[in-house]
């Protein structure tokens, strides 16, 4: 062991402990495991809890050791000694003694935890650490437990196998209130489904106690359960239905209920009245509710008739966006129980080209025949003649604007007759891609009398389902885009790059005005995002929102977006066209996440939406009156007192107050608190690599106070007097840095 470590630890010499920080990391790296063993001996001594000197020595030495391990990247070499000391803390009381005051061993455990578990992507280290980490969940220190849960969540993403053996303990911890660990369960479910399945009813009951992010993790788990072991959710259907009025949950909950109904229709059957009431209050959910009715309708003929009445009623009254789903579910039920309509089914679908007419004819048949009967020779007499159908159509179609593409529908019927095997169930989740591609409806108000030209056009639309979908929803998309673009900017360029875990979208944003003092006339604000498919959706909405005509699959912009989608597409997931048709608009939670990311990287410090121009402009183009101030050398953009951290070690809180002035291309600071003191070397803004917030935002604080400025050879940690002042400094520094780099870019371009 290094002689200075021997002196400090052997003699508990607190006066020499600070000298450890003067040593180079490489100089002490070989001594770290031995030093950790010595610390374990000290912390296990009988008088350690009352010996302030020993506690201070241990705290400083642990800080020096963990720093050296991080800098030398030797965690795997010293992992065993670290985990051994960490585990020894479990033998002592870890509960806080007073308000926010950790016990000595809790402090050791906390410092070691951050050093060990930050290496969640190193399996050898995690193999040692995870069994010990799980034990800390039961020792009563909530802060320690919360931080441990965060690291275990990361470990579950990187290496779920290591946590799978501890699934039962993790689930038990969740049920006792450690809800942060909910994000772990989806990662380990496939490895240990039985341990989780046993607790699913209890987990569902937690829903009302969870925050929204925690609810989303639980719903993701329940979706996995519903697909793989739906019977486990039979007893929880009632609880799940009670959450359907929550807009943050209802879509996911209905998807879970759809999965349950497909394999366990009896479990959902008694709750159909509840679902009907939900559909009346929230019409946007009727598509998924119709799928559940369709699934229950396959259970027996009595329920089939009951479900048909409801679905047919919707068919006659709902807007056209749900007709596709409704018609598939109706036909699926009537095909399964052919005795309900007999040959009547085929004639309805062949001869009627109106949803209202189909609904009327189905109602007529259902009302005239309330009991199941076998088909007889006289049954053909009940089938309406062509003139009767035309009459029914004309009666119900005075203002009808929606028609079925009969040709496509007949092709599907013909293909069914030629295909061997049992009749298929028709729900959107089960139809093939080819069937979904052909089953399209148009919004023409004309009757079905095709000329060679109202035929070529229809054929083209049928062959391009994306074009047809965008055509039907053009007004909605343009309205949606007009509001979305005020909150979310659209990148000028996007590159998809493969990373170790997933694809990353590299997005480039520029100012749409590019004025004289523009921050981004020659350069771009660059952002890396893992939400690749959300950004592709946003870019499609941008192109369609600006076009008066629906885009086709052959459009160059669509082709480019499609190629990007393929790079991000996981095996077994939807193609670009299918994904857009099924979900044209990104989910609210995805847009909220995108907006949060933009805020974290301080995009909104550089750009703002201009109502006047209808685009996103940089700070300078949005505030031309401030351009002269920023660009006038010597004229302060902002000035005042900031505290500068003098020592980089986190546990040493030593700050010095200085007077700073931001002007031109420089951030100047004085030695003392007075304006008149001599200058130190200024920070050249064009050399600044980035400006970042030091600490995460506190729960009850909206803005951070401290921030870092990184240059090529130095880091400055600064703290303002309050959050508002910090935000002003951050925005001004960011704008000045961007302006300095833009000016440098212009000068280089001019020189070239």
Foldseek 3Di string as FASTA:
>chain_A
DPVLLCCCLVVLDLVSLVVLVVDDLVVCVVVLLVSLVSLLVLCPDPCNQPDPSNLSSSLSSLLSSLVSCVVVVCCLVNLVSLLVSLLSLLVDQFAAPDVVHTGSSVSSNVSSCCSQLVVLLDVSSLLSHVVSLLSVLPRHHVVSNLVSLVSVLVNLVNPVVSCLVVVLSLVVSVLVPNLSNLLNCVSNCVVPVVSVLVCLLSLLVCLVVDDLVSNVSNLSNLLVCLQPPLVSCLVVLVSLLVCCVPPSPNVSSLSSLLSNLQVPVVSCLVCLVSLVVSCVVPVVCVLSSLSSLLSNLLVDVLSVLVSLLVLLVCLQDPDPLNNLQSVLSNVLNCQSVVQQQPVLVVCLLQQDFASNLSSVVSVVSCVVDVDGDDDDPCSVVPRDDSVVSVVSCVVSLPPQQWTWPNVLVVVVVVVQVPDDDGDDGGGVVPDDPLNVLSGDIARHSDDPDDDPVVVVVVVVCSVFVLQRLCQVCLVVLLVVLLVLCQQDPQFPDWDWDQDPPAIKIKGWHAFPPLDPLALDNPHTDIDIDPPQVLNLLNVLSVVSNVDPHGDTCPDPSNVVSQVSVVRRDDPPDDHPSVVCSVPSHDDPVVSVVNSVRCVQQPVVLFWHADPVVRHIHGPCVVPVVCSCQQADAPRFPDKAKKWWADDPSPVDGDTAIWIWTDGHQWIWIAPHHDPPHDTDDTDGLLQWPDKHADDDDDPPDDAGFWIWIDGPPDIIIIGDPDRVVSVVVVSSSVSSSSSSNVVVVVVVVVVD
